[in-house]
Amino acid sequence: MRGGSTEGGLAAAQGSKVDRCTRLDQLFSLIIFASLVTDGYQNLTASSQLRCVLNDNGVACSYAITAGVLAFLQSFLFLAFDAYHNIIISHKVKSVILSLDLTFSIIWSCIWFIGFCFLANQWNRSAHHYLLGSSSARASIAFAFFSIPCWVYLGYQALRGLWAEPLIPYKQSLDEGAVALNPLSSVTTTSIPRSMEYHSPTKGSGGSSAAPFPQTPKGNQLTFLNDN
C-alpha cells in the first residue's frame, strides 16, 4: 500500500508540473500575440501608414501573431489531454495521445526557436525605433525565447510517458486468454478408436498373435453350391 501511494504521489506531482508548464506556454503565447496586436504596428510622424515595429517587416509581426494565437489554442488541447489522462484506461489511446503530445511539442519548440531568431534579427536591423512599439517588440522576443524550454520540457515528459507504457498494450488480455484456453486443450483431445489401435505382434494370453495392422471388418461372403 505504501509503494502504491508513493507511485500515485509521484504521478500526481509530475502531472501538476506538466499542467503548470502548459499554462506558462499559454501565458507566453498570449503575451506575444497581444503585445504585437496592440502596439506592434506604429506609424511615423511624417506618415499615417501603420508599419511593423520589427524593421518595418510585416512578415515578422504576422509570424509572431499567428504562432502566438495557434500556440494559445493548442495549449487548451494539451490541458484537456492532461485532465482526462487518468480517466482513460486503454493503453493504446494513451500511447496515441502521448505521441501527439510529443509531436506537437517538438513542432512548437522548432517554431519558437525560429521565431526568436527571426524576431531578434529583425529588431536588430530596425532603422526606426518607435516610442510605443519598442516595449512590445522586446516582450515578444523575450517570451518567444522563454517558450522554447517550456515546449522542450513538455516533449520530454511525453517521451517519458511513452517509455512508461507497456510494450504490449493488451498483455493482460492475452494472459487471460491463455488461462481460458488451458481447459479447452483437454476437451479438444480425442481418443483413438479401439479399431484403429496398433497391437504389438507379441502373443497374447490365448496364444494367438494379434494383427500388426488394423483390420477391416469382413463382409458376408456368397457361397455357390454345385447341383451335382
Protein backbone atom coordinates (compact mmCIF):
# COMPACT_ATOMS: atom_id res chain seq x y z
CA MET A 1 0.00 0.00 0.00
CA ARG A 2 2.81 2.36 0.81
CA GLY A 3 4.52 1.72 -2.54
CA GLY A 4 1.26 2.29 -4.44
CA SER A 5 0.66 5.58 -2.63
CA THR A 6 4.22 6.69 -3.39
CA GLU A 7 3.79 5.97 -7.11
CA GLY A 8 0.45 7.78 -7.12
CA GLY A 9 2.02 10.78 -5.41
CA LEU A 10 4.85 10.90 -7.95
CA ALA A 11 2.39 10.68 -10.85
CA ALA A 12 0.28 13.48 -9.35
CA ALA A 13 3.35 15.70 -8.83
CA GLN A 14 4.52 15.07 -12.39
CA GLY A 15 1.04 15.85 -13.73
CA SER A 16 0.94 19.13 -11.79
CA LYS A 17 4.32 20.16 -13.23
CA VAL A 18 3.13 19.44 -16.76
CA ASP A 19 -0.05 21.39 -16.10
CA ARG A 20 1.86 24.41 -14.81
CA CYS A 21 4.26 24.29 -17.75
CA THR A 22 1.35 24.14 -20.20
CA ARG A 23 -0.27 27.15 -18.55
CA LEU A 24 3.05 29.01 -18.79
CA ASP A 25 3.18 28.29 -22.51
CA GLN A 26 -0.36 29.56 -22.82
CA LEU A 27 0.51 32.75 -20.92
CA PHE A 28 3.65 33.36 -23.00
CA SER A 29 1.72 32.89 -26.25
CA LEU A 30 -0.94 35.30 -25.03
CA ILE A 31 1.67 37.96 -24.21
CA ILE A 32 3.40 37.55 -27.58
CA PHE A 33 0.42 37.99 -29.83
CA ALA A 34 -1.39 40.50 -27.58
CA SER A 35 1.61 42.82 -27.35
CA LEU A 36 2.10 42.86 -31.12
CA VAL A 37 -1.61 43.25 -31.87
CA THR A 38 -1.93 46.28 -29.58
CA ASP A 39 1.38 48.11 -30.16
CA GLY A 40 3.15 46.09 -32.84
CA TYR A 41 2.05 48.40 -35.67
CA GLN A 42 3.01 52.07 -35.43
CA ASN A 43 3.29 54.97 -37.82
CA LEU A 44 6.00 57.55 -38.30
CA THR A 45 5.37 61.22 -37.61
CA ALA A 46 5.63 62.05 -41.31
CA SER A 47 3.25 59.28 -42.42
CA SER A 48 -0.06 57.82 -41.30
CA GLN A 49 0.69 54.32 -42.62
CA LEU A 50 1.00 51.65 -39.93
CA ARG A 51 4.19 49.61 -40.04
CA CYS A 52 5.53 46.72 -38.05
CA VAL A 53 7.93 47.82 -35.33
CA LEU A 54 10.25 44.93 -36.26
CA ASN A 55 12.25 46.51 -39.08
CA ASP A 56 9.02 47.57 -40.81
CA ASN A 57 8.63 43.92 -41.80
CA GLY A 58 5.02 42.86 -41.73
CA VAL A 59 6.03 39.21 -42.10
CA ALA A 60 7.77 39.27 -38.71
CA CYS A 61 4.72 40.62 -36.91
CA SER A 62 2.39 38.27 -38.76
CA TYR A 63 4.58 35.29 -37.91
CA ALA A 64 4.65 36.12 -34.20
CA ILE A 65 0.91 36.87 -34.01
CA THR A 66 -0.11 33.74 -35.91
CA ALA A 67 2.21 31.49 -33.90
CA GLY A 68 1.04 33.03 -30.64
CA VAL A 69 -2.65 32.53 -31.42
CA LEU A 70 -2.17 28.93 -32.58
CA ALA A 71 0.01 28.06 -29.57
CA PHE A 72 -2.55 29.64 -27.24
CA LEU A 73 -5.33 27.47 -28.70
CA GLN A 74 -3.08 24.40 -28.74
CA SER A 75 -2.49 24.79 -25.02
CA PHE A 76 -6.20 24.21 -24.36
CA LEU A 77 -5.94 20.88 -26.15
CA PHE A 78 -2.92 19.92 -24.03
CA LEU A 79 -4.79 20.85 -20.86
CA ALA A 80 -7.74 18.69 -21.94
CA PHE A 81 -5.39 15.75 -22.54
CA ASP A 82 -3.85 16.19 -19.10
CA ALA A 83 -7.28 16.40 -17.45
CA TYR A 84 -8.55 13.16 -18.99
CA HIS A 85 -5.26 11.27 -18.87
CA ASN A 86 -6.07 9.46 -15.61
CA ILE A 87 -9.61 8.62 -16.77
CA ILE A 88 -8.53 6.87 -19.96
CA ILE A 89 -7.97 3.16 -19.32
CA SER A 90 -6.91 1.95 -22.77
CA HIS A 91 -3.13 1.86 -23.19
CA LYS A 92 -3.50 2.24 -26.95
CA VAL A 93 -5.38 5.54 -26.59
CA LYS A 94 -2.82 6.79 -24.07
CA SER A 95 0.01 5.94 -26.45
CA VAL A 96 -1.69 7.86 -29.27
CA ILE A 97 -2.24 10.92 -27.05
CA LEU A 98 1.36 10.86 -25.81
CA SER A 99 2.63 10.52 -29.39
CA LEU A 100 0.59 13.57 -30.43
CA ASP A 101 1.84 15.43 -27.35
CA LEU A 102 5.44 14.64 -28.25
CA THR A 103 4.97 15.57 -31.91
CA PHE A 104 3.33 18.93 -31.19
CA SER A 105 5.92 19.75 -28.52
CA ILE A 106 8.77 19.20 -30.98
CA ILE A 107 6.99 21.25 -33.64
CA TRP A 108 6.33 24.17 -31.31
CA SER A 109 9.86 24.10 -29.96
CA CYS A 110 11.15 24.49 -33.51
CA ILE A 111 8.58 27.19 -34.33
CA TRP A 112 9.50 29.33 -31.34
CA PHE A 113 13.21 28.81 -31.89
CA ILE A 114 12.88 30.01 -35.49
CA GLY A 115 10.58 32.80 -34.33
CA PHE A 116 13.01 34.00 -31.68
CA CYS A 117 15.91 34.11 -34.14
CA PHE A 118 13.77 35.82 -36.78
CA LEU A 119 12.29 38.43 -34.44
CA ALA A 120 15.63 39.21 -32.79
CA ASN A 121 17.28 39.61 -36.20
CA GLN A 122 14.59 41.96 -37.44
CA TRP A 123 14.70 44.01 -34.26
CA ASN A 124 18.47 44.45 -34.53
CA ARG A 125 18.09 45.61 -38.14
CA SER A 126 15.33 48.09 -37.37
CA ALA A 127 16.19 51.55 -38.64
CA HIS A 128 13.32 53.20 -36.78
CA HIS A 129 12.72 52.70 -33.09
CA TYR A 130 9.19 53.63 -32.30
CA LEU A 131 8.23 55.14 -29.00
CA LEU A 132 5.27 52.92 -28.16
CA GLY A 133 6.17 49.73 -30.01
CA SER A 134 9.65 49.14 -28.61
CA SER A 135 8.46 47.53 -25.38
CA SER A 136 6.05 45.28 -27.31
CA ALA A 137 8.81 44.14 -29.64
CA ARG A 138 11.12 43.32 -26.74
CA ALA A 139 8.36 41.47 -24.90
CA SER A 140 7.53 39.33 -27.94
CA ILE A 141 11.19 38.44 -28.44
CA ALA A 142 11.76 37.63 -24.76
CA PHE A 143 8.70 35.43 -24.34
CA ALA A 144 9.37 33.67 -27.64
CA PHE A 145 12.68 32.63 -26.10
CA PHE A 146 11.04 31.57 -22.81
CA SER A 147 8.57 29.40 -24.72
CA ILE A 148 11.33 27.19 -26.12
CA PRO A 149 12.36 25.42 -22.87
CA CYS A 150 8.72 25.03 -21.83
CA TRP A 151 7.81 23.14 -25.00
CA VAL A 152 11.00 21.10 -24.76
CA TYR A 153 10.06 20.10 -21.20
CA LEU A 154 6.57 19.07 -22.34
CA GLY A 155 8.10 16.93 -25.08
CA TYR A 156 10.44 15.33 -22.57
CA GLN A 157 7.56 14.45 -20.26
CA ALA A 158 5.60 12.98 -23.19
CA LEU A 159 8.61 10.86 -24.13
CA ARG A 160 8.89 9.60 -20.55
CA GLY A 161 5.22 8.71 -20.64
CA LEU A 162 5.73 6.68 -23.82
CA TRP A 163 8.63 4.81 -22.23
CA ALA A 164 6.48 4.03 -19.20
CA GLU A 165 3.71 2.49 -21.31
CA PRO A 166 3.87 -1.33 -21.71
CA LEU A 167 5.29 -2.67 -24.95
CA ILE A 168 2.28 -4.97 -25.49
CA PRO A 169 -0.87 -2.89 -24.89
CA TYR A 170 -3.07 -5.96 -24.40
CA LYS A 171 -0.72 -8.06 -22.27
CA GLN A 172 -3.30 -8.62 -19.56
CA SER A 173 -5.97 -9.72 -22.02
CA LEU A 174 -3.52 -12.11 -23.68
CA ASP A 175 -2.70 -13.65 -20.31
CA GLU A 176 -6.37 -14.06 -19.55
CA GLY A 177 -6.89 -15.69 -22.95
CA ALA A 178 -4.10 -18.17 -22.25
CA VAL A 179 -5.69 -19.10 -18.94
CA ALA A 180 -9.05 -19.54 -20.68
CA LEU A 181 -7.50 -21.79 -23.32
CA ASN A 182 -6.00 -24.21 -20.79
CA PRO A 183 -9.21 -26.19 -20.12
CA LEU A 184 -10.03 -26.07 -23.83
CA SER A 185 -6.97 -28.15 -24.70
CA SER A 186 -8.17 -31.08 -22.58
CA VAL A 187 -11.61 -31.03 -24.16
CA THR A 188 -10.41 -30.99 -27.74
CA THR A 189 -8.19 -34.05 -27.32
CA THR A 190 -9.96 -37.15 -28.66
CA SER A 191 -9.09 -40.76 -28.02
CA ILE A 192 -8.11 -43.06 -30.85
CA PRO A 193 -10.83 -45.64 -31.67
CA ARG A 194 -10.14 -49.13 -30.50
CA SER A 195 -10.45 -50.47 -34.04
CA MET A 196 -7.58 -48.19 -35.11
CA GLU A 197 -5.26 -49.02 -32.23
CA TYR A 198 -1.94 -50.64 -33.02
CA HIS A 199 -1.37 -54.03 -31.42
CA SER A 200 2.05 -55.42 -30.89
CA PRO A 201 2.87 -58.67 -32.70
CA THR A 202 3.61 -60.47 -29.42
CA LYS A 203 1.38 -63.33 -28.44
CA GLY A 204 -1.47 -62.70 -26.13
CA SER A 205 -2.88 -64.85 -23.38
CA GLY A 206 -4.67 -67.17 -25.80
CA GLY A 207 -1.51 -67.95 -27.71
CA SER A 208 -2.69 -66.23 -30.87
CA SER A 209 -0.79 -63.27 -32.23
CA ALA A 210 -2.71 -60.07 -32.96
CA ALA A 211 -2.55 -58.48 -36.39
CA PRO A 212 0.14 -55.80 -36.57
CA PHE A 213 -2.13 -53.51 -38.58
CA PRO A 214 -5.73 -52.50 -38.07
CA GLN A 215 -8.09 -54.96 -39.62
CA THR A 216 -11.14 -54.05 -41.62
CA PRO A 217 -14.31 -55.93 -40.84
CA LYS A 218 -15.12 -58.67 -43.34
CA GLY A 219 -18.46 -58.66 -45.06
CA ASN A 220 -20.76 -61.58 -45.80
CA GLN A 221 -19.47 -63.94 -48.49
CA LEU A 222 -21.66 -65.67 -51.07
CA THR A 223 -21.21 -69.43 -51.49
CA PHE A 224 -22.22 -71.20 -54.72
CA LEU A 225 -23.39 -74.81 -54.30
CA ASN A 226 -22.90 -77.39 -57.02
CA ASP A 227 -26.11 -79.08 -58.13
CA ASN A 228 -24.22 -82.27 -58.98
